[in-house]
Amino acid sequence: MKNFLAFVAALALLAAAAGCAPDGGGNRKDFMPPAAAKVEGHPRVPLAALKDPRAGAGAGFGNIRPEFVAKSCISCHVNRGVDTVPPPHKTPDGKRGPAYYLGGKSGTVFTATSRAFEQPSPAIVEAGLEKRFNAGEAFFEGNFVEDSDMPFGGLGPTYMKTSCIACHPGYGRARRTANFAEEYGNGYIATVHRPDGSVAEGYTPMLQIHAVKPYLPYARGVKIEWREFVDRHGNRYPDGSPYNAGKPTEGKLVYPTADIIDPLLPLPDDYRVSIESTIGIYGTGLLDAISDESILGEHRRQHSFSGPVKGIRGKWIEEPDGSRRLGKFTWHCDRATLGNGPGSNGIYNTTNVTRKDRPDLYATPQWLAKHEEMGIDTSPLKMRKIEELSQEDFEDFMVWHRGLAVPAARGLDRPEVQNGQKIFYEIGCAGCHKPEWNTGFYPPLPGYSNQTIRPYTDMLMHDMGEENRGRFRTFRTPPLWGRGLMRKTAGHTDMFHDLRARDFEEAVLWHFGEAEFARERFRELSAKERSDLIEFLEAL
């Protein structure tokens, strides 16, 4: 009731500012939303709050300008159904409380060193799987070679990288770069596509720019250029201070554009090239343990009332075992399970190393036809491929992948962190970055079953505005756990779908589309409040 009264008061102020009455009567400067008319005491809404005033009383919440979505509006139109009471920081006997266990009891390690993302989870240790975990880790760190008879053999005929760790330095996510050919640290994936996001005919979804002789890659490279972006506020906060104040990047926001270099195959006139970054791999086994029904429940919550946040769930995907599962992995939720998902698929289409469940080359018929047209013998590629990565080795790789632990939160008792957590809820961050989940039964690693985890993601995609358009303009909410250790583990703090954000401040400032209301609330915070919010994010 307290939140509702605050919401009514805020809208009344908006109405007064527009010169209209907070209840009945009104004039042409305001209107009463039909649904709100059923709520006793709901104020009228000024037309000035609408992106298109012509919509009038028929306007939906999506037509409300983000700067008019006040904190009190957020409590009803974003946070409804969200548990905004954080878990205890301490137990009754003074030990670390549940808030520190971001990966639950079975998935959290209390390590904050440069190797924080590399640790086996307690569930791995308790199951006696450390030997298999270490064996699987070798395939993440190893460099694959062309000769199939050699250890780590089978690279090519085309490939992106020779190793997994090249895209995931420190077991995290890669850093931004202007050199797509950079082997280590560049985790960009490039896609050549049509305006609707569909992959250009003849090209693989993950563009291959390397090849073993005598074969040729799909392109010689990708040209990346960084461009400056200035928002409608001139890259300044309401108090006149610039974004990134005091940093070398003061007053600047930048974003990347990409183009293909020397394509092998013809391209449509309207082709585009988009780049996306790799996603951190620690904790993905715990995300895999979240049930489809739980994700559908969060989707229903967001669509059960009017508001700016309307997550898009992944499609139903048929798995190799014949089951249908909800897409929840990758930036576009186009993979449903970890066993058939990003890491499992990534080690295949990055290196083109075949195995039992990936027996075919990662190649297109058009690529093969082009080689034949050029007189290059492709008959070896059409022969039945051996399993270049054995089933045993692949299963060890997946034990490692699922078993990577999440570092515990740090410093949650500090006053600035606690204030930052309060602000996190007040400005609507939790509307998409859902703090807490309960895992279901998880046969691949039973220790992950029935855990309370805190990844800070809703596992849904959101429209992030035209400002963020790449292949699409919808992206899955990335987890926030562990992000505060990025500089220590991976040597950088680059974030967002194409690494345009250089730190947490820029990450918030790139929130447009559904999340622009939270961006505006962030802009209106004092410098101290913004700092406290970032302190909280860095504590995760």
Protein backbone atom coordinates (compact mmCIF):
# COMPACT_ATOMS: atom_id res chain seq x y z
CA MET A 1 0.00 0.00 0.00
CA LYS A 2 2.87 2.30 0.83
CA ASN A 3 4.38 1.79 -2.66
CA PHE A 4 1.03 2.41 -4.31
CA LEU A 5 0.49 5.69 -2.43
CA ALA A 6 3.98 6.81 -3.44
CA PHE A 7 3.16 5.91 -7.05
CA VAL A 8 -0.07 7.95 -6.91
CA ALA A 9 1.77 10.90 -5.42
CA ALA A 10 4.39 10.82 -8.16
CA LEU A 11 1.83 10.79 -10.93
CA ALA A 12 -0.07 13.57 -9.21
CA LEU A 13 3.09 15.67 -9.38
CA LEU A 14 3.42 14.90 -13.08
CA ALA A 15 -0.16 15.88 -13.59
CA ALA A 16 0.27 19.11 -11.69
CA ALA A 17 3.36 19.94 -13.70
CA ALA A 18 1.31 19.57 -16.86
CA GLY A 19 -1.42 21.84 -15.51
CA CYS A 20 -4.07 19.15 -15.07
CA ALA A 21 -6.12 17.79 -12.23
CA PRO A 22 -5.06 14.55 -10.50
CA ASP A 23 -8.57 13.15 -10.69
CA GLY A 24 -11.85 13.55 -12.58
CA GLY A 25 -12.53 16.47 -14.85
CA GLY A 26 -9.17 16.95 -16.51
CA ASN A 27 -8.71 18.66 -19.84
CA ARG A 28 -7.08 17.99 -23.17
CA LYS A 29 -3.66 18.05 -21.54
CA ASP A 30 -4.16 14.79 -19.69
CA PHE A 31 -6.02 11.50 -19.80
CA MET A 32 -6.96 8.54 -17.65
CA PRO A 33 -5.76 5.12 -18.86
CA PRO A 34 -8.81 2.84 -19.04
CA ALA A 35 -7.23 0.18 -16.82
CA ALA A 36 -6.12 2.81 -14.30
CA ALA A 37 -9.66 4.16 -14.05
CA LYS A 38 -10.52 1.04 -12.09
CA VAL A 39 -7.90 1.87 -9.47
CA GLU A 40 -9.21 4.18 -6.76
CA GLY A 41 -7.22 7.40 -6.55
CA HIS A 42 -5.17 6.77 -9.69
CA PRO A 43 -4.14 10.19 -11.08
CA ARG A 44 -4.65 11.32 -14.63
CA VAL A 45 -1.59 11.17 -16.89
CA PRO A 46 -0.29 14.25 -18.70
CA LEU A 47 -0.10 14.02 -22.47
CA ALA A 48 3.43 15.38 -22.10
CA ALA A 49 4.39 11.95 -20.76
CA LEU A 50 3.56 10.27 -24.08
CA LYS A 51 5.98 9.65 -26.92
CA ASP A 52 3.04 10.23 -29.25
CA PRO A 53 0.38 12.46 -27.61
CA ARG A 54 -2.05 11.62 -30.40
CA ALA A 55 -2.50 8.18 -28.83
CA GLY A 56 -4.35 9.82 -25.95
CA ALA A 57 -6.32 7.53 -23.66
CA GLY A 58 -5.57 4.59 -25.92
CA ALA A 59 -1.86 4.77 -25.18
CA GLY A 60 -0.19 1.76 -23.65
CA PHE A 61 2.66 1.84 -21.17
CA GLY A 62 5.09 1.41 -24.05
CA ASN A 63 4.14 4.91 -25.18
CA ILE A 64 5.27 6.49 -21.89
CA ARG A 65 8.50 8.45 -22.28
CA PRO A 66 11.20 6.82 -20.14
CA GLU A 67 12.01 9.99 -18.22
CA PHE A 68 8.42 10.00 -16.88
CA VAL A 69 8.73 6.53 -15.33
CA ALA A 70 9.44 7.59 -11.75
CA LYS A 71 10.80 5.33 -8.99
CA SER A 72 7.30 5.04 -7.56
CA CYS A 73 5.99 3.89 -10.97
CA ILE A 74 8.70 1.21 -10.98
CA SER A 75 7.43 -0.34 -7.77
CA CYS A 76 4.10 -1.16 -9.46
CA HIS A 77 4.96 -1.41 -13.16
CA VAL A 78 8.36 -3.13 -13.03
CA ASN A 79 8.96 -4.71 -9.62
CA ARG A 80 5.51 -6.20 -9.10
CA GLY A 81 6.05 -9.78 -8.01
CA VAL A 82 9.80 -9.28 -7.49
CA ASP A 83 11.13 -10.15 -4.05
CA THR A 84 12.93 -6.92 -3.20
CA VAL A 85 14.08 -8.09 0.22
CA PRO A 86 17.72 -9.17 -0.11
CA PRO A 87 18.83 -12.39 1.60
CA PRO A 88 20.69 -12.16 4.92
CA HIS A 89 24.34 -11.20 4.85
CA LYS A 90 25.04 -13.14 8.04
CA THR A 91 23.74 -16.24 9.74
CA PRO A 92 22.52 -16.06 13.37
CA ASP A 93 25.93 -17.29 14.50
CA GLY A 94 27.75 -14.52 12.60
CA LYS A 95 28.97 -16.50 9.58
CA ARG A 96 28.56 -15.46 5.94
CA GLY A 97 24.89 -15.53 5.04
CA PRO A 98 23.07 -16.73 1.91
CA ALA A 99 23.69 -13.42 0.10
CA TYR A 100 27.35 -14.37 -0.40
CA TYR A 101 26.56 -17.74 -2.00
CA LEU A 102 25.77 -16.52 -5.51
CA GLY A 103 26.05 -20.07 -6.87
CA GLY A 104 24.31 -21.67 -3.93
CA LYS A 105 26.08 -23.93 -1.44
CA SER A 106 27.07 -26.41 -4.16
CA GLY A 107 28.20 -23.91 -6.76
CA THR A 108 30.06 -21.17 -4.86
CA VAL A 109 33.76 -20.85 -4.05
CA PHE A 110 35.26 -18.19 -1.82
CA THR A 111 38.11 -17.25 -4.14
CA ALA A 112 38.75 -13.72 -5.43
CA THR A 113 42.13 -14.23 -7.12
CA SER A 114 43.04 -14.03 -10.81
CA ARG A 115 41.92 -17.67 -11.07
CA ALA A 116 38.51 -17.10 -9.50
CA PHE A 117 36.61 -18.26 -12.61
CA GLU A 118 38.64 -21.48 -13.00
CA GLN A 119 37.64 -23.35 -9.86
CA PRO A 120 35.69 -26.63 -9.59
CA SER A 121 32.44 -26.24 -7.71
CA PRO A 122 31.83 -28.00 -4.38
CA ALA A 123 29.39 -30.26 -6.26
CA ILE A 124 32.29 -31.52 -8.43
CA VAL A 125 34.51 -32.14 -5.41
CA GLU A 126 31.77 -33.89 -3.43
CA ALA A 127 30.99 -36.14 -6.43
CA GLY A 128 34.65 -37.14 -6.79
CA LEU A 129 34.83 -35.70 -10.31
CA GLU A 130 37.98 -33.60 -9.95
CA LYS A 131 40.08 -35.90 -12.17
CA ARG A 132 37.52 -35.71 -14.97
CA PHE A 133 37.15 -31.95 -14.41
CA ASN A 134 40.90 -31.50 -14.91
CA ALA A 135 40.89 -33.76 -17.98
CA GLY A 136 38.09 -31.72 -19.54
CA GLU A 137 39.87 -28.48 -18.72
CA ALA A 138 42.75 -29.55 -20.94
CA PHE A 139 40.48 -29.38 -23.99
CA PHE A 140 39.47 -25.84 -23.10
CA GLU A 141 43.06 -24.67 -22.76
CA GLY A 142 44.68 -26.80 -25.48
CA ASN A 143 45.54 -25.63 -28.99
CA PHE A 144 44.02 -27.80 -31.72
CA VAL A 145 46.13 -28.79 -34.71
CA GLU A 146 45.37 -30.00 -38.24
CA ASP A 147 46.68 -33.57 -37.99
CA SER A 148 43.84 -35.80 -36.76
CA ASP A 149 46.34 -38.39 -35.49
CA MET A 150 47.91 -35.92 -33.08
CA PRO A 151 46.58 -34.97 -29.63
CA PHE A 152 44.05 -32.15 -30.07
CA GLY A 153 43.92 -33.04 -33.76
CA GLY A 154 41.28 -32.33 -36.38
CA LEU A 155 41.44 -28.55 -36.81
CA GLY A 156 39.78 -27.28 -39.98
CA PRO A 157 39.31 -27.21 -42.90
CA THR A 158 38.02 -23.79 -41.81
CA TYR A 159 38.07 -22.47 -38.27
CA MET A 160 37.76 -19.36 -36.10
CA LYS A 161 40.30 -20.04 -33.38
CA THR A 162 42.68 -22.85 -32.44
CA SER A 163 41.54 -22.91 -28.80
CA CYS A 164 38.59 -22.13 -26.55
CA ILE A 165 40.61 -20.09 -24.08
CA ALA A 166 41.57 -17.67 -26.87
CA CYS A 167 38.00 -16.34 -26.74
CA HIS A 168 37.63 -16.72 -22.97
CA PRO A 169 40.81 -15.36 -21.34
CA GLY A 170 40.89 -16.06 -17.62
CA TYR A 171 37.80 -18.25 -18.23
CA GLY A 172 35.72 -15.10 -18.58
CA ARG A 173 34.66 -13.08 -21.59
CA ALA A 174 36.93 -11.53 -24.18
CA ARG A 175 37.98 -7.90 -24.43
CA ARG A 176 37.12 -5.36 -27.12
CA THR A 177 39.45 -4.94 -30.08
CA ALA A 178 39.74 -3.36 -33.50
CA ASN A 179 41.66 -6.39 -34.81
CA PHE A 180 39.32 -9.28 -35.52
CA ALA A 181 42.26 -11.51 -36.50
CA GLU A 182 43.80 -11.22 -33.03
CA GLU A 183 44.13 -14.78 -31.77
CA TYR A 184 44.12 -14.42 -27.97
CA GLY A 185 41.66 -12.23 -26.11
CA ASN A 186 39.45 -11.40 -29.10
CA GLY A 187 36.21 -13.24 -28.46
CA TYR A 188 34.14 -11.59 -31.15
CA ILE A 189 31.90 -13.77 -33.27
CA ALA A 190 31.00 -12.26 -36.64
CA THR A 191 27.84 -13.03 -38.60
CA VAL A 192 27.12 -12.00 -42.20
CA HIS A 193 23.37 -11.53 -42.44
CA ARG A 194 20.39 -9.91 -44.09
CA PRO A 195 18.56 -6.95 -42.46
CA ASP A 196 16.13 -9.39 -40.81
CA GLY A 197 19.01 -11.22 -39.10
CA SER A 198 18.92 -14.32 -41.30
CA VAL A 199 22.39 -15.60 -42.22
CA ALA A 200 23.53 -14.68 -45.73
CA GLU A 201 23.23 -17.63 -48.10
CA GLY A 202 26.33 -19.79 -48.20
CA TYR A 203 27.85 -18.47 -44.97
CA THR A 204 28.07 -20.15 -41.58
CA PRO A 205 26.44 -18.35 -38.63
CA MET A 206 29.89 -18.01 -37.05
CA LEU A 207 32.12 -16.61 -39.78
CA GLN A 208 35.29 -18.66 -40.33
CA ILE A 209 38.29 -16.52 -41.36
CA HIS A 210 41.02 -19.18 -41.17
CA ALA A 211 41.61 -22.34 -43.19
CA VAL A 212 44.15 -25.13 -43.55
CA LYS A 213 45.72 -25.57 -46.99
CA PRO A 214 44.61 -26.02 -49.71
CA TYR A 215 41.23 -24.73 -48.57
CA LEU A 216 40.10 -21.11 -48.33
CA PRO A 217 38.18 -19.38 -45.53
CA TYR A 218 34.82 -17.70 -46.06
CA ALA A 219 36.58 -14.33 -45.78
CA ARG A 220 40.05 -12.97 -45.15
CA GLY A 221 38.88 -11.07 -42.13
CA VAL A 222 36.50 -8.58 -40.56
CA LYS A 223 37.12 -4.85 -40.44
CA ILE A 224 36.07 -3.29 -37.12
CA GLU A 225 35.72 0.45 -36.66
CA TRP A 226 34.80 2.28 -33.47
CA ARG A 227 32.44 5.24 -33.76
CA GLU A 228 31.42 7.89 -31.25
CA PHE A 229 27.88 8.09 -29.95
CA VAL A 230 26.24 11.18 -28.44
CA ASP A 231 22.86 10.81 -26.77
CA ARG A 232 20.07 13.39 -26.68
CA HIS A 233 21.53 14.75 -23.43
CA GLY A 234 24.90 15.51 -24.99
CA ASN A 235 26.54 12.70 -22.96
CA ARG A 236 25.98 14.65 -19.76
CA TYR A 237 24.13 14.06 -16.53
CA PRO A 238 21.40 16.50 -15.42
CA ASP A 239 23.91 18.29 -13.14
CA GLY A 240 26.05 19.08 -16.21
CA SER A 241 28.87 16.66 -15.44
CA PRO A 242 30.02 14.48 -18.35
CA TYR A 243 29.68 10.73 -18.54
CA ASN A 244 32.90 8.99 -17.48
CA ALA A 245 33.97 12.08 -15.56
CA GLY A 246 37.64 11.98 -14.60
CA LYS A 247 38.46 9.03 -16.86
CA PRO A 248 40.47 9.12 -20.10
CA THR A 249 37.14 8.44 -21.84
CA GLU A 250 35.42 11.47 -20.27
CA GLY A 251 32.31 12.52 -22.18
CA LYS A 252 32.62 9.71 -24.72
CA LEU A 253 30.61 6.64 -25.63
CA VAL A 254 31.66 4.48 -28.58
CA TYR A 255 30.25 1.49 -30.46
CA PRO A 256 31.70 -0.87 -33.10
CA THR A 257 30.70 -1.39 -36.73
CA ALA A 258 31.95 -4.25 -38.87
CA ASP A 259 32.38 -5.26 -42.49
CA ILE A 260 33.70 -8.34 -44.25
CA ILE A 261 37.13 -8.39 -45.93
CA ASP A 262 37.54 -10.28 -49.23
CA PRO A 263 34.49 -12.55 -49.05
CA LEU A 264 34.83 -15.88 -50.86
CA LEU A 265 31.15 -16.17 -51.78
CA PRO A 266 28.77 -13.62 -53.35
CA LEU A 267 26.84 -11.37 -50.99
CA PRO A 268 23.36 -9.83 -51.28
CA ASP A 269 23.26 -6.08 -51.83
CA ASP A 270 21.66 -5.54 -48.42
CA TYR A 271 24.12 -7.65 -46.42
CA ARG A 272 25.33 -6.58 -43.02
CA VAL A 273 28.04 -7.80 -40.66
CA SER A 274 27.47 -7.84 -36.90
CA ILE A 275 29.83 -8.81 -34.11
CA GLU A 276 28.92 -10.23 -30.73
CA SER A 277 31.10 -11.11 -27.79
CA THR A 278 31.61 -14.38 -26.02
CA ILE A 279 29.77 -14.84 -22.73
CA GLY A 280 31.40 -15.85 -19.43
CA ILE A 281 31.34 -19.62 -18.93
CA TYR A 282 31.57 -20.03 -15.13
CA GLY A 283 28.23 -20.92 -13.53
CA THR A 284 26.58 -22.02 -16.76
CA GLY A 285 25.87 -25.46 -15.31
CA LEU A 286 23.80 -23.80 -12.60
CA LEU A 287 21.87 -21.81 -15.21
CA ASP A 288 21.28 -25.09 -17.05
CA ALA A 289 19.70 -26.43 -13.85
CA ILE A 290 16.95 -23.77 -13.89
CA SER A 291 13.78 -25.46 -15.09
CA ASP A 292 11.90 -24.38 -18.18
CA GLU A 293 8.77 -23.87 -16.10
CA SER A 294 10.59 -21.45 -13.79
CA ILE A 295 11.65 -19.34 -16.77
CA LEU A 296 8.13 -19.44 -18.18
CA GLY A 297 6.90 -18.28 -14.77
CA GLU A 298 9.14 -15.19 -14.94
CA HIS A 299 7.93 -14.57 -18.49
CA ARG A 300 4.31 -14.70 -17.28
CA ARG A 301 5.12 -12.30 -14.43
CA GLN A 302 6.54 -9.68 -16.78
CA HIS A 303 3.52 -9.92 -19.09
CA SER A 304 0.87 -9.97 -16.36
CA PHE A 305 0.70 -6.19 -15.88
CA SER A 306 1.37 -2.99 -17.80
CA GLY A 307 4.95 -1.79 -17.77
CA PRO A 308 8.04 -1.27 -19.92
CA VAL A 309 9.71 -4.66 -19.29
CA LYS A 310 8.34 -7.41 -21.53
CA GLY A 311 10.86 -10.21 -21.86
CA ILE A 312 10.84 -12.52 -24.86
CA ARG A 313 11.31 -16.21 -24.14
CA GLY A 314 13.35 -18.54 -26.30
CA LYS A 315 11.66 -20.90 -28.73
CA TRP A 316 11.05 -24.57 -28.00
CA ILE A 317 13.98 -26.59 -29.31
CA GLU A 318 14.06 -30.32 -30.04
CA GLU A 319 17.07 -31.83 -28.30
CA PRO A 320 19.08 -34.82 -29.55
CA ASP A 321 17.23 -37.11 -27.13
CA GLY A 322 13.89 -36.07 -28.63
CA SER A 323 12.80 -33.86 -25.75
CA ARG A 324 11.56 -30.31 -26.27
CA ARG A 325 13.34 -27.70 -24.17
CA LEU A 326 13.09 -23.93 -23.87
CA GLY A 327 15.86 -21.90 -25.50
CA LYS A 328 17.81 -20.01 -22.84
CA PHE A 329 21.49 -19.91 -23.81
CA THR A 330 23.42 -17.47 -26.05
CA TRP A 331 22.54 -13.81 -26.60
CA HIS A 332 19.45 -14.90 -28.54
CA CYS A 333 18.26 -17.92 -26.51
CA ASP A 334 18.76 -20.21 -29.49
CA ARG A 335 20.28 -23.05 -27.45
CA ALA A 336 18.26 -24.89 -24.80
CA THR A 337 20.68 -27.04 -22.82
CA LEU A 338 24.37 -26.97 -22.03
CA GLY A 339 24.83 -30.47 -23.47
CA ASN A 340 23.67 -29.15 -26.83
CA GLY A 341 24.46 -25.53 -26.13
CA PRO A 342 27.09 -22.82 -26.23
CA GLY A 343 30.20 -24.64 -24.98
CA SER A 344 29.24 -27.97 -26.48
CA ASN A 345 28.58 -26.32 -29.80
CA GLY A 346 31.36 -23.76 -29.46
CA ILE A 347 34.22 -26.24 -29.29
CA TYR A 348 32.87 -27.71 -32.56
CA ASN A 349 32.14 -24.68 -34.71
CA THR A 350 35.16 -22.73 -33.49
CA THR A 351 37.63 -25.46 -34.46
CA ASN A 352 35.62 -27.72 -36.85
CA VAL A 353 36.72 -30.72 -34.78
CA THR A 354 34.15 -33.50 -35.27
CA ARG A 355 32.74 -35.92 -32.68
CA LYS A 356 29.94 -38.45 -32.26
CA ASP A 357 27.11 -35.90 -32.02
CA ARG A 358 28.73 -33.49 -34.50
CA PRO A 359 29.90 -35.85 -37.27
CA ASP A 360 29.65 -33.37 -40.15
CA LEU A 361 31.88 -30.49 -41.14
CA TYR A 362 30.84 -27.03 -40.07
CA ALA A 363 30.58 -25.93 -43.69
CA THR A 364 27.98 -25.00 -46.29
CA PRO A 365 27.27 -26.61 -49.67
CA GLN A 366 28.05 -23.28 -51.34
CA TRP A 367 31.51 -23.24 -49.77
CA LEU A 368 32.22 -26.75 -51.08
CA ALA A 369 30.85 -25.87 -54.54
CA LYS A 370 33.08 -22.79 -54.71
CA HIS A 371 36.17 -24.92 -54.08
CA GLU A 372 35.14 -27.37 -56.78
CA GLU A 373 34.59 -24.44 -59.16
CA MET A 374 38.14 -23.31 -58.40
CA GLY A 375 39.53 -26.77 -59.06
CA ILE A 376 40.32 -27.57 -55.42
CA ASP A 377 39.78 -31.24 -54.54
CA THR A 378 37.01 -31.58 -51.93
CA SER A 379 36.68 -35.37 -52.01
CA PRO A 380 38.50 -35.80 -48.65
CA LEU A 381 35.89 -33.54 -47.05
CA LYS A 382 33.03 -35.69 -48.34
CA MET A 383 34.35 -38.89 -46.82
CA ARG A 384 32.94 -40.09 -43.53
CA LYS A 385 34.77 -38.22 -40.80
CA ILE A 386 36.38 -39.96 -37.86
CA GLU A 387 35.54 -38.83 -34.34
CA GLU A 388 38.35 -36.34 -33.89
CA LEU A 389 37.22 -35.67 -30.31
CA SER A 390 36.32 -38.93 -28.60
CA GLN A 391 33.08 -39.32 -26.67
CA GLU A 392 35.02 -39.86 -23.45
CA ASP A 393 37.01 -36.67 -23.97
CA PHE A 394 33.87 -34.73 -24.83
CA GLU A 395 32.10 -35.98 -21.70
CA ASP A 396 35.09 -34.91 -19.60
CA PHE A 397 34.93 -31.51 -21.29
CA MET A 398 31.27 -31.21 -20.27
CA VAL A 399 32.05 -32.24 -16.66
CA TRP A 400 34.49 -29.35 -16.59
CA HIS A 401 32.06 -26.98 -18.33
CA ARG A 402 29.17 -27.72 -15.97
CA GLY A 403 31.40 -27.81 -12.94
CA LEU A 404 32.92 -24.33 -13.08
CA ALA A 405 32.03 -22.57 -9.85
CA VAL A 406 30.80 -19.03 -9.25
CA PRO A 407 32.95 -16.76 -7.04
CA ALA A 408 31.23 -15.62 -3.87
CA ALA A 409 30.07 -12.05 -3.44
CA ARG A 410 32.39 -9.74 -1.53
CA GLY A 411 32.01 -6.84 0.89
CA LEU A 412 28.23 -6.89 1.09
CA ASP A 413 28.27 -5.38 4.58
CA ARG A 414 29.87 -2.14 3.41
CA PRO A 415 27.38 0.79 3.69
CA GLU A 416 27.93 1.97 0.11
CA VAL A 417 27.31 -1.53 -1.22
CA GLN A 418 24.11 -1.85 0.78
CA ASN A 419 22.92 1.54 -0.47
CA GLY A 420 23.81 0.49 -4.02
CA GLN A 421 21.74 -2.65 -3.64
CA LYS A 422 18.78 -0.57 -2.49
CA ILE A 423 19.17 1.69 -5.55
CA PHE A 424 19.43 -1.41 -7.79
CA TYR A 425 15.85 -2.28 -6.86
CA GLU A 426 14.54 1.30 -6.77
CA ILE A 427 15.50 2.18 -10.34
CA GLY A 428 14.19 -1.08 -11.79
CA CYS A 429 17.35 -3.09 -12.50
CA ALA A 430 15.80 -6.20 -10.92
CA GLY A 431 13.00 -6.09 -13.49
CA CYS A 432 15.36 -7.83 -15.96
CA HIS A 433 18.32 -8.77 -13.78
CA LYS A 434 16.26 -11.13 -11.64
CA PRO A 435 18.40 -11.74 -8.57
CA GLU A 436 17.34 -15.18 -7.42
CA TRP A 437 16.35 -18.57 -8.84
CA ASN A 438 15.78 -22.03 -7.41
CA THR A 439 17.22 -24.81 -9.51
CA GLY A 440 15.28 -27.98 -10.29
CA PHE A 441 16.44 -31.60 -10.41
CA TYR A 442 19.62 -31.74 -12.49
CA PRO A 443 20.72 -35.25 -13.51
CA PRO A 444 24.02 -34.22 -15.22
CA LEU A 445 25.33 -32.98 -11.85
CA PRO A 446 22.86 -33.87 -9.05
CA GLY A 447 24.67 -31.63 -6.57
CA TYR A 448 23.26 -28.63 -8.44
CA SER A 449 19.68 -29.74 -7.78
CA ASN A 450 17.43 -27.65 -5.53
CA GLN A 451 19.92 -24.84 -5.01
CA THR A 452 19.10 -21.17 -4.43
CA ILE A 453 21.32 -19.23 -6.81
CA ARG A 454 21.70 -15.51 -7.50
CA PRO A 455 22.89 -14.93 -11.09
CA TYR A 456 20.95 -11.65 -11.64
CA THR A 457 19.39 -12.59 -14.99
CA ASP A 458 15.83 -13.40 -16.04
CA MET A 459 17.00 -15.77 -18.81
CA LEU A 460 14.82 -13.81 -21.26
CA MET A 461 15.57 -11.53 -24.20
CA HIS A 462 14.71 -7.83 -24.22
CA ASP A 463 14.46 -5.16 -26.90
CA MET A 464 17.43 -2.90 -26.20
CA GLY A 465 16.53 -0.26 -28.78
CA GLU A 466 17.75 0.70 -32.21
CA GLU A 467 20.85 2.18 -30.58
CA ASN A 468 22.00 -1.39 -29.81
CA ARG A 469 20.99 -3.09 -33.04
CA GLY A 470 23.36 -5.75 -34.28
CA ARG A 471 22.13 -8.87 -35.96
CA PHE A 472 19.01 -8.24 -33.87
CA ARG A 473 18.07 -5.65 -31.28
CA THR A 474 16.93 -8.22 -28.71
CA PHE A 475 19.42 -9.79 -26.33
CA ARG A 476 19.24 -12.15 -23.36
CA THR A 477 19.87 -10.48 -20.02
CA PRO A 478 23.46 -11.37 -19.07
CA PRO A 479 24.15 -12.63 -15.55
CA LEU A 480 25.92 -10.20 -13.25
CA TRP A 481 27.54 -12.68 -10.88
CA GLY A 482 31.32 -12.50 -10.93
CA ARG A 483 31.46 -9.31 -13.02
CA GLY A 484 33.29 -7.42 -10.30
CA LEU A 485 36.29 -9.73 -10.76
CA MET A 486 36.65 -9.24 -14.52
CA ARG A 487 39.66 -6.95 -14.37
CA LYS A 488 41.48 -9.30 -12.03
CA THR A 489 40.70 -12.48 -13.99
CA ALA A 490 40.56 -11.33 -17.62
CA GLY A 491 42.41 -8.01 -17.52
CA HIS A 492 39.54 -5.78 -18.62
CA THR A 493 35.99 -4.65 -17.78
CA ASP A 494 34.47 -4.61 -21.28
CA MET A 495 30.79 -5.55 -21.32
CA PHE A 496 27.60 -5.64 -23.37
CA HIS A 497 26.72 -7.69 -26.45
CA ASP A 498 29.51 -6.21 -28.57
CA LEU A 499 31.73 -4.95 -25.73
CA ARG A 500 30.82 -1.32 -26.38
CA ALA A 501 30.62 -0.68 -22.63
CA ARG A 502 34.04 -0.22 -21.03
CA ASP A 503 32.77 -0.50 -17.46
CA PHE A 504 29.60 -0.60 -15.36
CA GLU A 505 28.83 3.09 -15.82
CA GLU A 506 28.84 2.75 -19.60
CA ALA A 507 26.91 -0.52 -19.43
CA VAL A 508 24.01 1.25 -17.72
CA LEU A 509 24.26 4.19 -20.14
CA TRP A 510 23.83 1.80 -23.10
CA HIS A 511 20.46 0.64 -21.78
CA PHE A 512 17.87 1.75 -24.32
CA GLY A 513 14.62 0.24 -25.53
CA GLU A 514 12.80 -1.55 -22.72
CA ALA A 515 15.49 -0.53 -20.25
CA GLU A 516 15.74 3.16 -21.05
CA PHE A 517 13.58 4.08 -18.06
CA ALA A 518 16.27 2.58 -15.78
CA ARG A 519 18.94 4.49 -17.70
CA GLU A 520 17.07 7.74 -17.05
CA ARG A 521 16.70 6.96 -13.36
CA PHE A 522 20.45 6.23 -13.24
CA ARG A 523 21.22 9.54 -14.92
CA GLU A 524 19.16 11.41 -12.33
CA LEU A 525 21.00 9.88 -9.38
CA SER A 526 23.62 11.91 -7.60
CA ALA A 527 27.27 11.11 -8.31
CA LYS A 528 27.46 9.41 -4.90
CA GLU A 529 24.38 7.28 -5.61
CA ARG A 530 25.75 6.23 -9.01
CA SER A 531 29.02 5.30 -7.35
CA ASP A 532 27.21 3.25 -4.70
CA LEU A 533 25.24 1.34 -7.34
CA ILE A 534 28.48 0.49 -9.15
CA GLU A 535 30.06 -0.55 -5.84
CA PHE A 536 27.21 -3.05 -5.41
CA LEU A 537 27.63 -4.43 -8.93
CA GLU A 538 31.36 -4.81 -8.37
CA ALA A 539 30.67 -6.72 -5.15
CA LEU A 540 28.85 -9.45 -7.07
